[in-house]
Amino acid sequence: MPLPPLMSPQRPLLIWAVLALVCAVVLSVEGVSHLSGRTRQRPGWRLGVLFLLGSLVAAALSARLYDLHGEFQWTEHDLATWLILGALLGSAVLAFTVYGGVRTSRYLRSSSAPDDESRAAREWPFSGDLFVLALMMDAGIWTLVLALPRLVEAAYTAKNYMPAGDGLGMSPLIPAIASTVCSVALLIIPLTMLLRARSRSRRVTS
């Protein structure tokens, strides 16, 4: 009697998905650490925006790999292709996260160079509100990547059943549209709030 495999062929996709999600959270921390700065002369906000974009990419990659992990109708060639692609993209996200950690560590250490450490700490607070908004953006892009394939599939099904006039094709389409709209709102609303908060902060310090 053959023994069951210790690890399913799709398990590496799940491992890379979890790792990419962790990288998304870490990049959010790094991005917020830069965007929370109060001093306009420092160009840290550019790095903050870059790292937040990286967190969105990492979250999207995590969602896609997680979705692919749930697929079981794979040929060996297709599965091998996605395993290689997932490893390459996951390694790139991990490398970018490490780079962001190094830059953030140097940036915050240089900001505390003055003798008045309390003043430096006030200039570089970590904003919990911005961090929550960044996590909401990651959640929005994560759910959106999962919802879009369902929307496309439901739209294709509705198109095929529409000539029959029995309404069967609309039953999966409505929930797919609703989940997609909610995902977009979860991404756009915190992004708008984050941009407005950053804009108000820059006006106060100008």
N, C-alpha and C. Protein backbone atom coordinates (compact mmCIF):
# COMPACT_ATOMS: atom_id res chain seq x y z
N MET A 1 0.85 -1.19 0.00
CA MET A 1 0.00 0.00 0.00
C MET A 1 0.89 1.25 0.00
N PRO A 2 0.75 2.12 -1.02
CA PRO A 2 1.63 3.29 -1.08
C PRO A 2 1.31 4.28 0.03
N LEU A 3 2.34 4.89 0.58
CA LEU A 3 2.18 5.89 1.63
C LEU A 3 1.75 7.23 1.03
N PRO A 4 0.92 7.98 1.73
CA PRO A 4 0.52 9.31 1.21
C PRO A 4 1.72 10.23 1.20
N PRO A 5 1.79 11.14 0.26
CA PRO A 5 2.92 12.07 0.21
C PRO A 5 2.95 12.95 1.45
N LEU A 6 4.16 13.29 1.89
CA LEU A 6 4.32 14.15 3.06
C LEU A 6 3.86 15.57 2.78
N MET A 7 4.00 16.00 1.52
CA MET A 7 3.61 17.36 1.18
C MET A 7 2.97 17.34 -0.20
N SER A 8 1.79 17.98 -0.32
CA SER A 8 1.12 18.02 -1.60
C SER A 8 1.92 18.85 -2.59
N PRO A 9 1.75 18.60 -3.89
CA PRO A 9 2.52 19.38 -4.87
C PRO A 9 2.24 20.87 -4.82
N GLN A 10 1.03 21.25 -4.36
CA GLN A 10 0.68 22.67 -4.31
C GLN A 10 1.16 23.36 -3.03
N ARG A 11 1.69 22.60 -2.06
CA ARG A 11 2.05 23.19 -0.78
C ARG A 11 3.09 24.32 -0.90
N PRO A 12 4.10 24.21 -1.78
CA PRO A 12 5.03 25.35 -1.91
C PRO A 12 4.34 26.65 -2.30
N LEU A 13 3.25 26.58 -3.08
CA LEU A 13 2.51 27.79 -3.41
C LEU A 13 1.92 28.43 -2.16
N LEU A 14 1.42 27.59 -1.25
CA LEU A 14 0.87 28.12 0.00
C LEU A 14 1.96 28.73 0.87
N ILE A 15 3.13 28.10 0.89
CA ILE A 15 4.24 28.63 1.69
C ILE A 15 4.67 30.00 1.17
N TRP A 16 4.79 30.12 -0.15
CA TRP A 16 5.17 31.42 -0.73
C TRP A 16 4.06 32.45 -0.53
N ALA A 17 2.80 32.01 -0.54
CA ALA A 17 1.69 32.93 -0.31
C ALA A 17 1.75 33.51 1.10
N VAL A 18 2.01 32.66 2.08
CA VAL A 18 2.12 33.13 3.47
C VAL A 18 3.32 34.05 3.62
N LEU A 19 4.45 33.68 3.00
CA LEU A 19 5.64 34.52 3.09
C LEU A 19 5.41 35.88 2.44
N ALA A 20 4.73 35.91 1.29
CA ALA A 20 4.44 37.18 0.63
C ALA A 20 3.51 38.04 1.48
N LEU A 21 2.57 37.41 2.18
CA LEU A 21 1.67 38.17 3.04
C LEU A 21 2.43 38.78 4.22
N VAL A 22 3.36 38.02 4.78
CA VAL A 22 4.19 38.56 5.86
C VAL A 22 5.02 39.74 5.34
N CYS A 23 5.57 39.60 4.13
CA CYS A 23 6.33 40.70 3.54
C CYS A 23 5.46 41.93 3.33
N ALA A 24 4.20 41.72 2.96
CA ALA A 24 3.29 42.86 2.77
C ALA A 24 3.10 43.63 4.08
N VAL A 25 2.96 42.90 5.19
CA VAL A 25 2.79 43.57 6.48
C VAL A 25 4.07 44.31 6.87
N VAL A 26 5.22 43.67 6.66
CA VAL A 26 6.50 44.32 7.01
C VAL A 26 6.72 45.56 6.16
N LEU A 27 6.42 45.47 4.86
CA LEU A 27 6.56 46.64 4.00
C LEU A 27 5.61 47.76 4.40
N SER A 28 4.43 47.40 4.90
CA SER A 28 3.51 48.42 5.40
C SER A 28 4.12 49.15 6.60
N VAL A 29 4.75 48.38 7.49
CA VAL A 29 5.42 49.00 8.64
C VAL A 29 6.52 49.94 8.17
N GLU A 30 7.31 49.48 7.20
CA GLU A 30 8.41 50.30 6.69
C GLU A 30 7.88 51.56 6.01
N GLY A 31 6.83 51.41 5.21
CA GLY A 31 6.27 52.57 4.53
C GLY A 31 5.70 53.59 5.49
N VAL A 32 4.96 53.11 6.49
CA VAL A 32 4.37 54.02 7.47
C VAL A 32 5.46 54.69 8.30
N SER A 33 6.55 53.98 8.57
CA SER A 33 7.66 54.58 9.32
C SER A 33 8.21 55.80 8.60
N HIS A 34 8.22 55.77 7.28
CA HIS A 34 8.69 56.93 6.51
C HIS A 34 7.61 58.00 6.40
N LEU A 35 6.38 57.60 6.15
CA LEU A 35 5.31 58.57 5.94
C LEU A 35 4.90 59.27 7.23
N SER A 36 5.26 58.71 8.38
CA SER A 36 4.90 59.33 9.65
C SER A 36 5.82 60.48 10.01
N GLY A 37 6.88 60.71 9.22
CA GLY A 37 7.81 61.79 9.53
C GLY A 37 7.15 63.15 9.40
N ARG A 38 7.57 64.08 10.23
CA ARG A 38 7.00 65.42 10.24
C ARG A 38 7.87 66.45 9.54
N THR A 39 9.09 66.09 9.22
CA THR A 39 10.00 67.07 8.63
C THR A 39 9.93 67.00 7.12
N ARG A 40 9.55 68.10 6.49
CA ARG A 40 9.34 68.11 5.04
C ARG A 40 10.65 68.04 4.26
N GLN A 41 11.76 68.50 4.89
CA GLN A 41 13.01 68.55 4.14
C GLN A 41 13.55 67.17 3.82
N ARG A 42 13.14 66.18 4.56
CA ARG A 42 13.65 64.83 4.32
C ARG A 42 12.83 64.14 3.24
N PRO A 43 13.49 63.44 2.33
CA PRO A 43 12.75 62.79 1.24
C PRO A 43 12.19 61.43 1.61
N GLY A 44 11.96 61.20 2.89
CA GLY A 44 11.51 59.87 3.30
C GLY A 44 10.15 59.48 2.77
N TRP A 45 9.31 60.45 2.47
CA TRP A 45 7.96 60.10 2.00
C TRP A 45 8.01 59.37 0.67
N ARG A 46 9.04 59.63 -0.14
CA ARG A 46 9.15 58.91 -1.41
C ARG A 46 9.40 57.43 -1.15
N LEU A 47 10.30 57.13 -0.21
CA LEU A 47 10.53 55.74 0.15
C LEU A 47 9.27 55.14 0.78
N GLY A 48 8.55 55.94 1.56
CA GLY A 48 7.33 55.44 2.17
C GLY A 48 6.30 55.03 1.12
N VAL A 49 6.12 55.87 0.11
CA VAL A 49 5.19 55.52 -0.97
C VAL A 49 5.66 54.28 -1.71
N LEU A 50 6.97 54.19 -1.96
CA LEU A 50 7.52 53.04 -2.67
C LEU A 50 7.29 51.75 -1.89
N PHE A 51 7.51 51.79 -0.58
CA PHE A 51 7.33 50.59 0.22
C PHE A 51 5.85 50.22 0.37
N LEU A 52 4.97 51.21 0.41
CA LEU A 52 3.54 50.90 0.45
C LEU A 52 3.08 50.27 -0.85
N LEU A 53 3.60 50.76 -1.98
CA LEU A 53 3.29 50.11 -3.26
C LEU A 53 3.82 48.69 -3.27
N GLY A 54 5.02 48.50 -2.71
CA GLY A 54 5.56 47.15 -2.62
C GLY A 54 4.69 46.24 -1.76
N SER A 55 4.10 46.79 -0.70
CA SER A 55 3.22 45.98 0.15
C SER A 55 1.97 45.55 -0.61
N LEU A 56 1.45 46.44 -1.47
CA LEU A 56 0.29 46.08 -2.29
C LEU A 56 0.63 44.98 -3.28
N VAL A 57 1.81 45.09 -3.89
CA VAL A 57 2.25 44.04 -4.82
C VAL A 57 2.42 42.71 -4.09
N ALA A 58 3.01 42.76 -2.90
CA ALA A 58 3.21 41.54 -2.13
C ALA A 58 1.87 40.92 -1.73
N ALA A 59 0.90 41.75 -1.34
CA ALA A 59 -0.42 41.25 -0.97
C ALA A 59 -1.12 40.63 -2.17
N ALA A 60 -1.00 41.28 -3.34
CA ALA A 60 -1.60 40.73 -4.56
C ALA A 60 -0.97 39.39 -4.92
N LEU A 61 0.35 39.30 -4.81
CA LEU A 61 1.04 38.04 -5.09
C LEU A 61 0.59 36.96 -4.12
N SER A 62 0.46 37.31 -2.84
CA SER A 62 0.01 36.34 -1.84
C SER A 62 -1.38 35.80 -2.18
N ALA A 63 -2.29 36.70 -2.56
CA ALA A 63 -3.65 36.28 -2.88
C ALA A 63 -3.67 35.37 -4.10
N ARG A 64 -2.88 35.72 -5.11
CA ARG A 64 -2.86 34.91 -6.33
C ARG A 64 -2.30 33.52 -6.08
N LEU A 65 -1.20 33.45 -5.31
CA LEU A 65 -0.62 32.15 -5.01
C LEU A 65 -1.54 31.32 -4.13
N TYR A 66 -2.23 31.98 -3.20
CA TYR A 66 -3.19 31.27 -2.36
C TYR A 66 -4.33 30.71 -3.19
N ASP A 67 -4.79 31.49 -4.16
CA ASP A 67 -5.87 31.04 -5.03
C ASP A 67 -5.40 29.87 -5.88
N LEU A 68 -4.20 29.96 -6.41
CA LEU A 68 -3.67 28.86 -7.22
C LEU A 68 -3.45 27.61 -6.39
N HIS A 69 -3.13 27.80 -5.11
CA HIS A 69 -2.93 26.64 -4.23
C HIS A 69 -4.20 25.81 -4.11
N GLY A 70 -5.37 26.47 -4.22
CA GLY A 70 -6.63 25.75 -4.10
C GLY A 70 -7.05 25.01 -5.35
N GLU A 71 -6.35 25.24 -6.46
CA GLU A 71 -6.69 24.55 -7.70
C GLU A 71 -6.06 23.16 -7.69
N PHE A 72 -6.86 22.18 -8.10
CA PHE A 72 -6.37 20.80 -8.09
C PHE A 72 -6.32 20.18 -9.49
N GLN A 73 -6.84 20.86 -10.48
CA GLN A 73 -6.82 20.34 -11.85
C GLN A 73 -5.60 20.90 -12.58
N TRP A 74 -4.44 20.42 -12.16
CA TRP A 74 -3.18 20.89 -12.73
C TRP A 74 -2.54 19.80 -13.55
N THR A 75 -1.95 20.19 -14.66
CA THR A 75 -1.01 19.29 -15.32
C THR A 75 0.36 19.52 -14.69
N GLU A 76 1.23 18.55 -14.83
CA GLU A 76 2.56 18.68 -14.22
C GLU A 76 3.32 19.88 -14.78
N HIS A 77 3.14 20.16 -16.06
CA HIS A 77 3.85 21.27 -16.68
C HIS A 77 3.34 22.60 -16.13
N ASP A 78 2.02 22.76 -16.04
CA ASP A 78 1.45 24.02 -15.54
C ASP A 78 1.82 24.23 -14.08
N LEU A 79 1.76 23.16 -13.28
CA LEU A 79 2.10 23.29 -11.87
C LEU A 79 3.57 23.66 -11.70
N ALA A 80 4.44 23.04 -12.49
CA ALA A 80 5.86 23.36 -12.40
C ALA A 80 6.12 24.81 -12.80
N THR A 81 5.40 25.28 -13.81
CA THR A 81 5.57 26.68 -14.22
C THR A 81 5.19 27.65 -13.11
N TRP A 82 4.06 27.40 -12.46
CA TRP A 82 3.63 28.29 -11.38
C TRP A 82 4.52 28.17 -10.16
N LEU A 83 5.04 26.98 -9.89
CA LEU A 83 5.96 26.83 -8.77
C LEU A 83 7.23 27.65 -8.99
N ILE A 84 7.76 27.59 -10.20
CA ILE A 84 8.97 28.36 -10.51
C ILE A 84 8.67 29.85 -10.47
N LEU A 85 7.54 30.25 -11.07
CA LEU A 85 7.18 31.67 -11.09
C LEU A 85 6.92 32.18 -9.67
N GLY A 86 6.23 31.37 -8.86
CA GLY A 86 5.97 31.77 -7.49
C GLY A 86 7.24 31.92 -6.68
N ALA A 87 8.20 31.01 -6.91
CA ALA A 87 9.47 31.10 -6.20
C ALA A 87 10.25 32.35 -6.61
N LEU A 88 10.24 32.65 -7.91
CA LEU A 88 10.98 33.83 -8.38
C LEU A 88 10.35 35.13 -7.85
N LEU A 89 9.04 35.24 -7.98
CA LEU A 89 8.37 36.46 -7.51
C LEU A 89 8.43 36.58 -5.99
N GLY A 90 8.27 35.44 -5.31
CA GLY A 90 8.37 35.48 -3.86
C GLY A 90 9.76 35.88 -3.38
N SER A 91 10.78 35.38 -4.07
CA SER A 91 12.15 35.76 -3.72
C SER A 91 12.39 37.25 -3.96
N ALA A 92 11.82 37.78 -5.06
CA ALA A 92 11.97 39.21 -5.35
C ALA A 92 11.29 40.05 -4.28
N VAL A 93 10.09 39.65 -3.85
CA VAL A 93 9.38 40.39 -2.80
C VAL A 93 10.16 40.31 -1.49
N LEU A 94 10.70 39.14 -1.18
CA LEU A 94 11.48 38.99 0.05
C LEU A 94 12.73 39.87 0.01
N ALA A 95 13.41 39.89 -1.13
CA ALA A 95 14.61 40.73 -1.26
C ALA A 95 14.26 42.21 -1.11
N PHE A 96 13.15 42.63 -1.70
CA PHE A 96 12.73 44.03 -1.59
C PHE A 96 12.37 44.38 -0.15
N THR A 97 11.77 43.43 0.57
CA THR A 97 11.42 43.67 1.97
C THR A 97 12.68 43.84 2.82
N VAL A 98 13.68 43.00 2.57
CA VAL A 98 14.95 43.13 3.30
C VAL A 98 15.61 44.47 2.97
N TYR A 99 15.59 44.86 1.69
CA TYR A 99 16.13 46.15 1.30
C TYR A 99 15.40 47.28 2.01
N GLY A 100 14.07 47.18 2.07
CA GLY A 100 13.29 48.20 2.77
C GLY A 100 13.63 48.26 4.25
N GLY A 101 13.87 47.10 4.86
CA GLY A 101 14.24 47.08 6.26
C GLY A 101 15.57 47.78 6.51
N VAL A 102 16.53 47.55 5.62
CA VAL A 102 17.84 48.19 5.76
C VAL A 102 17.71 49.70 5.60
N ARG A 103 16.99 50.14 4.56
CA ARG A 103 16.84 51.57 4.32
C ARG A 103 16.07 52.25 5.45
N THR A 104 15.03 51.58 5.96
CA THR A 104 14.25 52.17 7.04
C THR A 104 15.07 52.27 8.31
N SER A 105 15.86 51.23 8.60
CA SER A 105 16.71 51.26 9.78
C SER A 105 17.72 52.40 9.71
N ARG A 106 18.35 52.57 8.56
CA ARG A 106 19.31 53.67 8.40
C ARG A 106 18.62 55.02 8.47
N TYR A 107 17.46 55.10 7.88
CA TYR A 107 16.74 56.38 7.82
C TYR A 107 16.32 56.85 9.21
N LEU A 108 15.74 55.92 9.99
CA LEU A 108 15.30 56.28 11.33
C LEU A 108 16.49 56.52 12.25
N ARG A 109 17.58 55.80 12.04
CA ARG A 109 18.76 56.02 12.86
C ARG A 109 19.38 57.38 12.57
N SER A 110 19.36 57.78 11.29
CA SER A 110 19.90 59.10 10.95
C SER A 110 19.01 60.22 11.46
N SER A 111 17.71 59.97 11.55
CA SER A 111 16.80 61.00 12.05
C SER A 111 16.96 61.23 13.54
N SER A 112 17.53 60.26 14.25
CA SER A 112 17.74 60.42 15.68
C SER A 112 19.17 60.84 15.99
N ALA A 113 19.89 61.31 14.97
CA ALA A 113 21.27 61.72 15.18
C ALA A 113 21.42 62.94 16.08
N PRO A 114 20.54 63.94 16.09
CA PRO A 114 20.72 65.09 16.96
C PRO A 114 20.76 64.69 18.43
N ASP A 115 21.34 65.57 19.24
CA ASP A 115 21.47 65.27 20.66
C ASP A 115 20.13 65.22 21.36
N ASP A 116 19.20 66.04 20.90
CA ASP A 116 17.88 66.07 21.53
C ASP A 116 17.08 64.89 21.00
N GLU A 117 17.19 63.72 21.66
CA GLU A 117 16.52 62.52 21.18
C GLU A 117 15.01 62.62 21.31
N SER A 118 14.54 63.35 22.30
CA SER A 118 13.10 63.49 22.44
C SER A 118 12.51 64.26 21.27
N ARG A 119 13.24 65.30 20.79
CA ARG A 119 12.76 66.06 19.64
C ARG A 119 12.77 65.18 18.40
N ALA A 120 13.80 64.36 18.24
CA ALA A 120 13.87 63.46 17.09
C ALA A 120 12.73 62.45 17.13
N ALA A 121 12.41 61.98 18.33
CA ALA A 121 11.31 61.02 18.44
C ALA A 121 9.99 61.65 18.04
N ARG A 122 9.81 62.96 18.40
CA ARG A 122 8.57 63.61 18.00
C ARG A 122 8.52 63.81 16.49
N GLU A 123 9.68 63.99 15.86
CA GLU A 123 9.69 64.18 14.42
C GLU A 123 9.38 62.88 13.68
N TRP A 124 9.68 61.74 14.30
CA TRP A 124 9.49 60.47 13.61
C TRP A 124 8.62 59.53 14.43
N PRO A 125 7.37 59.89 14.67
CA PRO A 125 6.48 58.96 15.36
C PRO A 125 6.01 57.87 14.40
N PHE A 126 5.63 56.73 14.98
CA PHE A 126 5.01 55.69 14.15
C PHE A 126 3.51 55.84 14.30
N SER A 127 2.85 56.16 13.21
CA SER A 127 1.42 56.42 13.24
C SER A 127 0.64 55.11 13.15
N GLY A 128 -0.04 54.76 14.24
CA GLY A 128 -0.88 53.57 14.22
C GLY A 128 -2.05 53.70 13.27
N ASP A 129 -2.58 54.94 13.13
CA ASP A 129 -3.70 55.15 12.22
C ASP A 129 -3.29 54.87 10.77
N LEU A 130 -2.12 55.38 10.38
CA LEU A 130 -1.65 55.13 9.02
C LEU A 130 -1.37 53.65 8.80
N PHE A 131 -0.89 52.97 9.84
CA PHE A 131 -0.62 51.54 9.71
C PHE A 131 -1.91 50.75 9.49
N VAL A 132 -2.96 51.12 10.22
CA VAL A 132 -4.25 50.45 10.03
C VAL A 132 -4.76 50.68 8.61
N LEU A 133 -4.62 51.92 8.11
CA LEU A 133 -5.05 52.21 6.74
C LEU A 133 -4.24 51.40 5.73
N ALA A 134 -2.94 51.25 5.98
CA ALA A 134 -2.10 50.46 5.08
C ALA A 134 -2.52 49.00 5.09
N LEU A 135 -2.86 48.46 6.27
CA LEU A 135 -3.32 47.08 6.34
C LEU A 135 -4.66 46.91 5.63
N MET A 136 -5.52 47.91 5.74
CA MET A 136 -6.80 47.84 5.04
C MET A 136 -6.59 47.84 3.53
N MET A 137 -5.62 48.63 3.05
CA MET A 137 -5.31 48.63 1.63
C MET A 137 -4.79 47.26 1.19
N ASP A 138 -3.93 46.64 2.00
CA ASP A 138 -3.44 45.31 1.68
C ASP A 138 -4.59 44.30 1.63
N ALA A 139 -5.51 44.42 2.60
CA ALA A 139 -6.68 43.52 2.60
C ALA A 139 -7.54 43.76 1.37
N GLY A 140 -7.67 45.02 0.97
CA GLY A 140 -8.47 45.32 -0.21
C GLY A 140 -7.90 44.71 -1.47
N ILE A 141 -6.59 44.86 -1.68
CA ILE A 141 -5.97 44.30 -2.88
C ILE A 141 -5.97 42.78 -2.81
N TRP A 142 -5.85 42.22 -1.61
CA TRP A 142 -5.85 40.76 -1.44
C TRP A 142 -7.20 40.18 -1.85
N THR A 143 -8.29 40.77 -1.33
CA THR A 143 -9.62 40.27 -1.67
C THR A 143 -9.99 40.58 -3.11
N LEU A 144 -9.47 41.69 -3.65
CA LEU A 144 -9.77 42.04 -5.04
C LEU A 144 -9.15 41.03 -6.00
N VAL A 145 -7.93 40.61 -5.72
CA VAL A 145 -7.29 39.61 -6.58
C VAL A 145 -8.04 38.30 -6.53
N LEU A 146 -8.61 37.96 -5.39
CA LEU A 146 -9.42 36.75 -5.30
C LEU A 146 -10.77 36.90 -5.97
N ALA A 147 -11.33 38.12 -5.94
CA ALA A 147 -12.69 38.32 -6.45
C ALA A 147 -12.73 38.45 -7.96
N LEU A 148 -11.71 39.02 -8.57
CA LEU A 148 -11.75 39.26 -10.01
C LEU A 148 -11.90 37.99 -10.83
N PRO A 149 -11.15 36.90 -10.57
CA PRO A 149 -11.38 35.69 -11.36
C PRO A 149 -12.80 35.15 -11.21
N ARG A 150 -13.38 35.26 -10.01
CA ARG A 150 -14.77 34.82 -9.81
C ARG A 150 -15.73 35.68 -10.62
N LEU A 151 -15.44 36.97 -10.70
CA LEU A 151 -16.30 37.86 -11.48
C LEU A 151 -16.24 37.51 -12.96
N VAL A 152 -15.03 37.27 -13.47
CA VAL A 152 -14.89 36.91 -14.88
C VAL A 152 -15.60 35.59 -15.17
N GLU A 153 -15.42 34.63 -14.28
CA GLU A 153 -16.07 33.33 -14.47
C GLU A 153 -17.58 33.45 -14.42
N ALA A 154 -18.09 34.25 -13.46
CA ALA A 154 -19.54 34.42 -13.35
C ALA A 154 -20.10 35.16 -14.55
N ALA A 155 -19.36 36.15 -15.06
CA ALA A 155 -19.82 36.88 -16.24
C ALA A 155 -19.87 35.97 -17.46
N TYR A 156 -18.88 35.10 -17.58
CA TYR A 156 -18.87 34.16 -18.70
C TYR A 156 -20.05 33.19 -18.60
N THR A 157 -20.34 32.73 -17.38
CA THR A 157 -21.48 31.82 -17.18
C THR A 157 -22.80 32.52 -17.49
N ALA A 158 -22.91 33.77 -17.02
CA ALA A 158 -24.15 34.52 -17.28
C ALA A 158 -24.36 34.76 -18.77
N LYS A 159 -23.27 34.99 -19.49
CA LYS A 159 -23.38 35.21 -20.93
C LYS A 159 -23.88 33.95 -21.63
N ASN A 160 -23.43 32.79 -21.17
CA ASN A 160 -23.86 31.53 -21.80
C ASN A 160 -25.31 31.19 -21.48
N TYR A 161 -25.76 31.54 -20.25
CA TYR A 161 -27.12 31.19 -19.85
C TYR A 161 -28.14 32.26 -20.21
N MET A 162 -27.68 33.43 -20.62
CA MET A 162 -28.60 34.52 -20.90
C MET A 162 -29.61 34.19 -22.00
N PRO A 163 -29.20 33.52 -23.11
CA PRO A 163 -30.20 33.20 -24.13
C PRO A 163 -31.31 32.29 -23.64
N ALA A 164 -31.04 31.47 -22.61
CA ALA A 164 -32.07 30.55 -22.13
C ALA A 164 -33.19 31.29 -21.41
N GLY A 165 -32.89 32.46 -20.86
CA GLY A 165 -33.91 33.26 -20.19
C GLY A 165 -34.39 32.71 -18.87
N ASP A 166 -33.63 31.76 -18.28
CA ASP A 166 -34.08 31.20 -17.01
C ASP A 166 -33.44 31.88 -15.80
N GLY A 167 -32.53 32.82 -16.03
CA GLY A 167 -31.94 33.55 -14.92
C GLY A 167 -30.92 32.80 -14.12
N LEU A 168 -30.54 31.59 -14.54
CA LEU A 168 -29.57 30.81 -13.77
C LEU A 168 -28.19 31.46 -13.79
N GLY A 169 -27.87 32.15 -14.88
CA GLY A 169 -26.54 32.74 -14.96
C GLY A 169 -26.35 33.95 -14.08
N MET A 170 -27.46 34.56 -13.62
CA MET A 170 -27.35 35.76 -12.80
C MET A 170 -27.08 35.44 -11.33
N SER A 171 -27.40 34.22 -10.88
CA SER A 171 -27.26 33.90 -9.46
C SER A 171 -25.82 33.97 -8.98
N PRO A 172 -24.81 33.47 -9.72
CA PRO A 172 -23.44 33.66 -9.24
C PRO A 172 -22.85 35.03 -9.60
N LEU A 173 -23.46 35.73 -10.56
CA LEU A 173 -22.90 37.00 -11.00
C LEU A 173 -23.10 38.10 -9.97
N ILE A 174 -24.28 38.13 -9.35
CA ILE A 174 -24.57 39.20 -8.39
C ILE A 174 -23.63 39.16 -7.18
N PRO A 175 -23.42 37.99 -6.53
CA PRO A 175 -22.45 37.97 -5.43
C PRO A 175 -21.03 38.30 -5.88
N ALA A 176 -20.66 37.90 -7.09
CA ALA A 176 -19.32 38.21 -7.59
C ALA A 176 -19.14 39.71 -7.78
N ILE A 177 -20.17 40.39 -8.30
CA ILE A 177 -20.10 41.84 -8.46
C ILE A 177 -20.03 42.52 -7.09
N ALA A 178 -20.84 42.04 -6.15
CA ALA A 178 -20.86 42.65 -4.81
C ALA A 178 -19.50 42.50 -4.12
N SER A 179 -18.90 41.33 -4.21
CA SER A 179 -17.60 41.12 -3.56
C SER A 179 -16.51 41.96 -4.22
N THR A 180 -16.60 42.13 -5.54
CA THR A 180 -15.61 42.96 -6.23
C THR A 180 -15.75 44.43 -5.83
N VAL A 181 -16.99 44.91 -5.75
CA VAL A 181 -17.21 46.31 -5.35
C VAL A 181 -16.72 46.54 -3.93
N CYS A 182 -17.00 45.60 -3.02
CA CYS A 182 -16.54 45.75 -1.64
C CYS A 182 -15.02 45.74 -1.56
N SER A 183 -14.37 44.92 -2.38
CA SER A 183 -12.91 44.86 -2.39
C SER A 183 -12.32 46.17 -2.89
N VAL A 184 -12.92 46.74 -3.95
CA VAL A 184 -12.44 48.02 -4.46
C VAL A 184 -12.63 49.12 -3.42
N ALA A 185 -13.77 49.10 -2.72
CA ALA A 185 -14.00 50.10 -1.68
C ALA A 185 -13.01 49.96 -0.54
N LEU A 186 -12.69 48.70 -0.18
CA LEU A 186 -11.73 48.46 0.89
C LEU A 186 -10.33 48.93 0.51
N LEU A 187 -10.06 49.02 -0.77
CA LEU A 187 -8.77 49.53 -1.24
C LEU A 187 -8.78 51.05 -1.39
N ILE A 188 -9.82 51.59 -2.00
CA ILE A 188 -9.84 53.01 -2.34
C ILE A 188 -10.08 53.90 -1.11
N ILE A 189 -10.98 53.49 -0.23
CA ILE A 189 -11.32 54.34 0.91
C ILE A 189 -10.11 54.58 1.83
N PRO A 190 -9.40 53.53 2.28
CA PRO A 190 -8.22 53.82 3.12
C PRO A 190 -7.12 54.53 2.37
N LEU A 191 -7.00 54.28 1.06
CA LEU A 191 -5.99 55.00 0.28
C LEU A 191 -6.30 56.49 0.26
N THR A 192 -7.56 56.84 0.07
CA THR A 192 -7.96 58.25 0.08
C THR A 192 -7.72 58.88 1.44
N MET A 193 -8.06 58.16 2.50
CA MET A 193 -7.85 58.67 3.85
C MET A 193 -6.37 58.86 4.15
N LEU A 194 -5.55 57.93 3.69
CA LEU A 194 -4.10 58.04 3.92
C LEU A 194 -3.52 59.25 3.20
N LEU A 195 -3.95 59.45 1.95
CA LEU A 195 -3.45 60.59 1.20
C LEU A 195 -3.90 61.92 1.82
N ARG A 196 -5.13 61.97 2.30
CA ARG A 196 -5.62 63.19 2.93
C ARG A 196 -4.89 63.46 4.25
N ALA A 197 -4.63 62.39 5.02
CA ALA A 197 -3.92 62.57 6.28
C ALA A 197 -2.51 63.07 6.03
N ARG A 198 -1.86 62.50 5.02
CA ARG A 198 -0.50 62.93 4.70
C ARG A 198 -0.50 64.39 4.18
N SER A 199 -1.52 64.74 3.39
CA SER A 199 -1.60 66.09 2.87
C SER A 199 -1.82 67.10 4.00
N ARG A 200 -2.67 66.78 4.97
CA ARG A 200 -2.88 67.68 6.09
C ARG A 200 -1.62 67.83 6.93
N SER A 201 -0.89 66.71 7.08
CA SER A 201 0.34 66.77 7.85
C SER A 201 1.37 67.67 7.19
N ARG A 202 1.48 67.63 5.90
CA ARG A 202 2.45 68.47 5.18
C ARG A 202 2.03 69.94 5.21
N ARG A 203 0.71 70.21 5.18
CA ARG A 203 0.26 71.60 5.26
C ARG A 203 0.54 72.19 6.64
N VAL A 204 0.42 71.37 7.67
CA VAL A 204 0.65 71.85 9.04
C VAL A 204 2.11 72.22 9.22
N THR A 205 3.02 71.41 8.64
CA THR A 205 4.45 71.64 8.82
C THR A 205 5.03 72.63 7.84
N SER A 206 4.21 73.10 6.86
CA SER A 206 4.74 74.05 5.86
C SER A 206 4.80 75.46 6.43
